[in-house]
Amino acid sequence: MTDTPLPLAGLDHVVIRARDIDAMLGFYRDVLGLRVAKHNEPLGLWHLDAGGSMIDLVDMKGKLGQAGGPAPGLAPNVDHVAIKLAAFDETAIRAYLDSKGVDSEPAKTRFGARGDGPSIYMKDPDGNGVELTGTPS
């Protein structure tokens, strides 16, 4: 461990630029269940509560989105964002995602902040990767 004046406490937020804010809200809010903590309408910025961290969505048609340059093109904004789940039932999770029209990969054991545990990958409407992670056994 290095001597640093930065006492890390965890990830605060991730910001994703959205080409279609309605589709992105439909995925993160309506499918994944992230609650809207705040909507900064003048900036076109949505703050979504991800269980103690935030996922912010920037509408590319809004003031903040236009200030950030061109919308994401063929490549997504990020490789993936991992969201911790309190309980992990692969069958129930994948059936729910299927019912919402979201394609997902079968669960695999992957390493994350809590160690090796189950996770499921999928894509959001803009092609960014989203990983749902369970508690290691």
C-alpha atoms as a PDB file:
ATOM      1  CA  MET A   1       0.000   0.000   0.000  1.00  0.00           C
ATOM      2  CA  THR A   2       1.305   3.427  -0.884  1.00  0.00           C
ATOM      3  CA  ASP A   3       1.251   6.473   1.333  1.00  0.00           C
ATOM      4  CA  THR A   4      -1.360   8.752  -0.206  1.00  0.00           C
ATOM      5  CA  PRO A   5      -3.565  11.626   0.914  1.00  0.00           C
ATOM      6  CA  LEU A   6      -6.421   9.995  -1.010  1.00  0.00           C
ATOM      7  CA  PRO A   7      -8.463   7.841   1.408  1.00  0.00           C
ATOM      8  CA  LEU A   8     -10.537   6.040  -1.225  1.00  0.00           C
ATOM      9  CA  ALA A   9     -14.138   5.273  -0.313  1.00  0.00           C
ATOM     10  CA  GLY A  10     -15.489   3.804  -3.550  1.00  0.00           C
ATOM     11  CA  LEU A  11     -16.824   4.818  -6.937  1.00  0.00           C
ATOM     12  CA  ASP A  12     -19.041   7.907  -6.797  1.00  0.00           C
ATOM     13  CA  HIS A  13     -20.441   8.065 -10.334  1.00  0.00           C
ATOM     14  CA  VAL A  14     -19.987   7.177 -13.989  1.00  0.00           C
ATOM     15  CA  VAL A  15     -21.199   9.501 -16.753  1.00  0.00           C
ATOM     16  CA  ILE A  16     -22.525   8.053 -20.009  1.00  0.00           C
ATOM     17  CA  ARG A  17     -23.357  10.214 -23.021  1.00  0.00           C
ATOM     18  CA  ALA A  18     -26.697   9.136 -24.510  1.00  0.00           C
ATOM     19  CA  ARG A  19     -27.682   9.470 -28.159  1.00  0.00           C
ATOM     20  CA  ASP A  20     -31.309   8.532 -27.338  1.00  0.00           C
ATOM     21  CA  ILE A  21     -32.060   9.611 -23.764  1.00  0.00           C
ATOM     22  CA  ASP A  22     -35.519   7.997 -23.748  1.00  0.00           C
ATOM     23  CA  ALA A  23     -34.113   4.595 -24.730  1.00  0.00           C
ATOM     24  CA  MET A  24     -31.282   4.911 -22.186  1.00  0.00           C
ATOM     25  CA  LEU A  25     -33.694   5.922 -19.393  1.00  0.00           C
ATOM     26  CA  GLY A  26     -35.935   3.055 -20.426  1.00  0.00           C
ATOM     27  CA  PHE A  27     -33.030   0.669 -19.902  1.00  0.00           C
ATOM     28  CA  TYR A  28     -31.336   2.033 -16.754  1.00  0.00           C
ATOM     29  CA  ARG A  29     -34.443   3.309 -14.952  1.00  0.00           C
ATOM     30  CA  ASP A  30     -37.225   1.040 -16.169  1.00  0.00           C
ATOM     31  CA  VAL A  31     -35.389  -2.258 -16.783  1.00  0.00           C
ATOM     32  CA  LEU A  32     -32.528  -2.156 -14.262  1.00  0.00           C
ATOM     33  CA  GLY A  33     -34.572  -0.214 -11.690  1.00  0.00           C
ATOM     34  CA  LEU A  34     -32.184   2.678 -11.027  1.00  0.00           C
ATOM     35  CA  ARG A  35     -34.127   5.477  -9.345  1.00  0.00           C
ATOM     36  CA  VAL A  36     -33.872   9.002 -10.737  1.00  0.00           C
ATOM     37  CA  ALA A  37     -32.184  10.933  -7.916  1.00  0.00           C
ATOM     38  CA  LYS A  38     -32.162  14.229  -9.800  1.00  0.00           C
ATOM     39  CA  HIS A  39     -32.870  15.595 -13.257  1.00  0.00           C
ATOM     40  CA  ASN A  40     -30.910  18.716 -14.154  1.00  0.00           C
ATOM     41  CA  GLU A  41     -33.163  19.719 -17.029  1.00  0.00           C
ATOM     42  CA  PRO A  42     -31.219  22.841 -18.155  1.00  0.00           C
ATOM     43  CA  LEU A  43     -28.111  20.684 -18.697  1.00  0.00           C
ATOM     44  CA  GLY A  44     -29.896  17.577 -20.018  1.00  0.00           C
ATOM     45  CA  LEU A  45     -28.391  15.496 -17.178  1.00  0.00           C
ATOM     46  CA  TRP A  46     -30.078  12.619 -15.362  1.00  0.00           C
ATOM     47  CA  HIS A  47     -28.576  11.300 -12.085  1.00  0.00           C
ATOM     48  CA  LEU A  48     -29.594   7.680 -11.419  1.00  0.00           C
ATOM     49  CA  ASP A  49     -29.060   5.996  -8.047  1.00  0.00           C
ATOM     50  CA  ALA A  50     -27.155   2.740  -8.491  1.00  0.00           C
ATOM     51  CA  GLY A  51     -27.229   1.608  -4.854  1.00  0.00           C
ATOM     52  CA  GLY A  52     -24.811   4.080  -3.290  1.00  0.00           C
ATOM     53  CA  SER A  53     -23.116   5.102  -6.534  1.00  0.00           C
ATOM     54  CA  MET A  54     -24.559   7.000  -9.459  1.00  0.00           C
ATOM     55  CA  ILE A  55     -24.866   6.474 -13.181  1.00  0.00           C
ATOM     56  CA  ASP A  56     -25.361   9.821 -14.872  1.00  0.00           C
ATOM     57  CA  LEU A  57     -26.877  10.012 -18.336  1.00  0.00           C
ATOM     58  CA  VAL A  58     -26.089  13.043 -20.496  1.00  0.00           C
ATOM     59  CA  ASP A  59     -28.603  13.731 -23.261  1.00  0.00           C
ATOM     60  CA  MET A  60     -26.566  14.481 -26.406  1.00  0.00           C
ATOM     61  CA  LYS A  61     -29.279  16.955 -27.465  1.00  0.00           C
ATOM     62  CA  GLY A  62     -28.925  18.923 -24.206  1.00  0.00           C
ATOM     63  CA  LYS A  63     -26.569  21.753 -23.274  1.00  0.00           C
ATOM     64  CA  LEU A  64     -23.998  19.511 -21.556  1.00  0.00           C
ATOM     65  CA  GLY A  65     -24.113  16.873 -24.302  1.00  0.00           C
ATOM     66  CA  GLN A  66     -23.529  19.408 -27.053  1.00  0.00           C
ATOM     67  CA  ALA A  67     -20.618  20.931 -25.118  1.00  0.00           C
ATOM     68  CA  GLY A  68     -18.916  17.509 -24.992  1.00  0.00           C
ATOM     69  CA  GLY A  69     -18.419  17.187 -28.724  1.00  0.00           C
ATOM     70  CA  PRO A  70     -19.897  14.727 -31.210  1.00  0.00           C
ATOM     71  CA  ALA A  71     -22.137  11.898 -30.052  1.00  0.00           C
ATOM     72  CA  PRO A  72     -20.589   8.441 -29.678  1.00  0.00           C
ATOM     73  CA  GLY A  73     -20.220   6.846 -33.085  1.00  0.00           C
ATOM     74  CA  LEU A  74     -19.629   3.224 -33.931  1.00  0.00           C
ATOM     75  CA  ALA A  75     -17.719   2.626 -30.700  1.00  0.00           C
ATOM     76  CA  PRO A  76     -19.575   2.727 -27.365  1.00  0.00           C
ATOM     77  CA  ASN A  77     -18.702   5.261 -24.641  1.00  0.00           C
ATOM     78  CA  VAL A  78     -17.334   2.656 -22.223  1.00  0.00           C
ATOM     79  CA  ASP A  79     -16.411  -1.015 -22.315  1.00  0.00           C
ATOM     80  CA  HIS A  80     -18.792  -1.793 -19.457  1.00  0.00           C
ATOM     81  CA  VAL A  81     -20.186  -0.634 -16.128  1.00  0.00           C
ATOM     82  CA  ALA A  82     -20.631  -3.257 -13.404  1.00  0.00           C
ATOM     83  CA  ILE A  83     -23.598  -2.999 -11.044  1.00  0.00           C
ATOM     84  CA  LYS A  84     -23.555  -4.984  -7.793  1.00  0.00           C
ATOM     85  CA  LEU A  85     -26.671  -7.030  -6.974  1.00  0.00           C
ATOM     86  CA  ALA A  86     -27.679  -7.949  -3.420  1.00  0.00           C
ATOM     87  CA  ALA A  87     -28.934 -11.354  -4.609  1.00  0.00           C
ATOM     88  CA  PHE A  88     -28.042 -13.307  -7.745  1.00  0.00           C
ATOM     89  CA  ASP A  89     -30.425 -15.851  -9.274  1.00  0.00           C
ATOM     90  CA  GLU A  90     -29.286 -16.359 -12.865  1.00  0.00           C
ATOM     91  CA  THR A  91     -32.514 -18.012 -14.006  1.00  0.00           C
ATOM     92  CA  ALA A  92     -34.709 -15.248 -12.570  1.00  0.00           C
ATOM     93  CA  ILE A  93     -32.437 -12.451 -13.807  1.00  0.00           C
ATOM     94  CA  ARG A  94     -32.193 -13.774 -17.355  1.00  0.00           C
ATOM     95  CA  ALA A  95     -35.959 -14.505 -17.523  1.00  0.00           C
ATOM     96  CA  TYR A  96     -36.670 -10.932 -16.387  1.00  0.00           C
ATOM     97  CA  LEU A  97     -34.238  -9.447 -18.929  1.00  0.00           C
ATOM     98  CA  ASP A  98     -35.757 -11.624 -21.687  1.00  0.00           C
ATOM     99  CA  SER A  99     -39.234 -10.357 -20.725  1.00  0.00           C
ATOM    100  CA  LYS A 100     -37.948  -6.800 -21.218  1.00  0.00           C
ATOM    101  CA  GLY A 101     -36.399  -7.616 -24.603  1.00  0.00           C
ATOM    102  CA  VAL A 102     -32.823  -7.372 -23.308  1.00  0.00           C
ATOM    103  CA  ASP A 103     -30.348  -9.937 -24.650  1.00  0.00           C
ATOM    104  CA  SER A 104     -27.906 -11.192 -22.031  1.00  0.00           C
ATOM    105  CA  GLU A 105     -25.062 -13.667 -21.885  1.00  0.00           C
ATOM    106  CA  PRO A 106     -25.088 -16.730 -19.615  1.00  0.00           C
ATOM    107  CA  ALA A 107     -23.541 -16.097 -16.200  1.00  0.00           C
ATOM    108  CA  LYS A 108     -19.822 -16.646 -15.763  1.00  0.00           C
ATOM    109  CA  THR A 109     -17.514 -16.341 -12.794  1.00  0.00           C
ATOM    110  CA  ARG A 110     -15.550 -13.108 -13.038  1.00  0.00           C
ATOM    111  CA  PHE A 111     -13.343 -11.067 -10.735  1.00  0.00           C
ATOM    112  CA  GLY A 112     -14.725  -7.790  -9.369  1.00  0.00           C
ATOM    113  CA  ALA A 113     -14.473  -5.498  -6.356  1.00  0.00           C
ATOM    114  CA  ARG A 114     -15.846  -8.211  -4.055  1.00  0.00           C
ATOM    115  CA  GLY A 115     -13.710 -11.044  -5.512  1.00  0.00           C
ATOM    116  CA  ASP A 116     -14.626 -13.879  -7.883  1.00  0.00           C
ATOM    117  CA  GLY A 117     -18.373 -14.161  -8.337  1.00  0.00           C
ATOM    118  CA  PRO A 118     -21.171 -14.666 -10.837  1.00  0.00           C
ATOM    119  CA  SER A 119     -21.929 -12.021 -13.435  1.00  0.00           C
ATOM    120  CA  ILE A 120     -24.124 -11.481 -16.470  1.00  0.00           C
ATOM    121  CA  TYR A 121     -23.215  -9.187 -19.376  1.00  0.00           C
ATOM    122  CA  MET A 122     -25.596  -7.261 -21.629  1.00  0.00           C
ATOM    123  CA  LYS A 123     -25.623  -4.056 -23.710  1.00  0.00           C
ATOM    124  CA  ASP A 124     -27.532  -0.828 -23.118  1.00  0.00           C
ATOM    125  CA  PRO A 125     -29.353   0.857 -26.042  1.00  0.00           C
ATOM    126  CA  ASP A 126     -26.182   2.768 -27.037  1.00  0.00           C
ATOM    127  CA  GLY A 127     -24.061  -0.416 -27.102  1.00  0.00           C
ATOM    128  CA  ASN A 128     -22.253   0.141 -23.797  1.00  0.00           C
ATOM    129  CA  GLY A 129     -21.596  -3.001 -21.799  1.00  0.00           C
ATOM    130  CA  VAL A 130     -23.452  -3.525 -18.523  1.00  0.00           C
ATOM    131  CA  GLU A 131     -22.462  -6.254 -16.072  1.00  0.00           C
ATOM    132  CA  LEU A 132     -24.682  -7.430 -13.200  1.00  0.00           C
ATOM    133  CA  THR A 133     -22.524  -8.948 -10.460  1.00  0.00           C
ATOM    134  CA  GLY A 134     -23.414 -11.197  -7.557  1.00  0.00           C
ATOM    135  CA  THR A 135     -21.728 -11.799  -4.245  1.00  0.00           C
ATOM    136  CA  PRO A 136     -18.842 -14.283  -4.360  1.00  0.00           C
ATOM    137  CA  SER A 137     -19.624 -17.681  -2.857  1.00  0.00           C
END
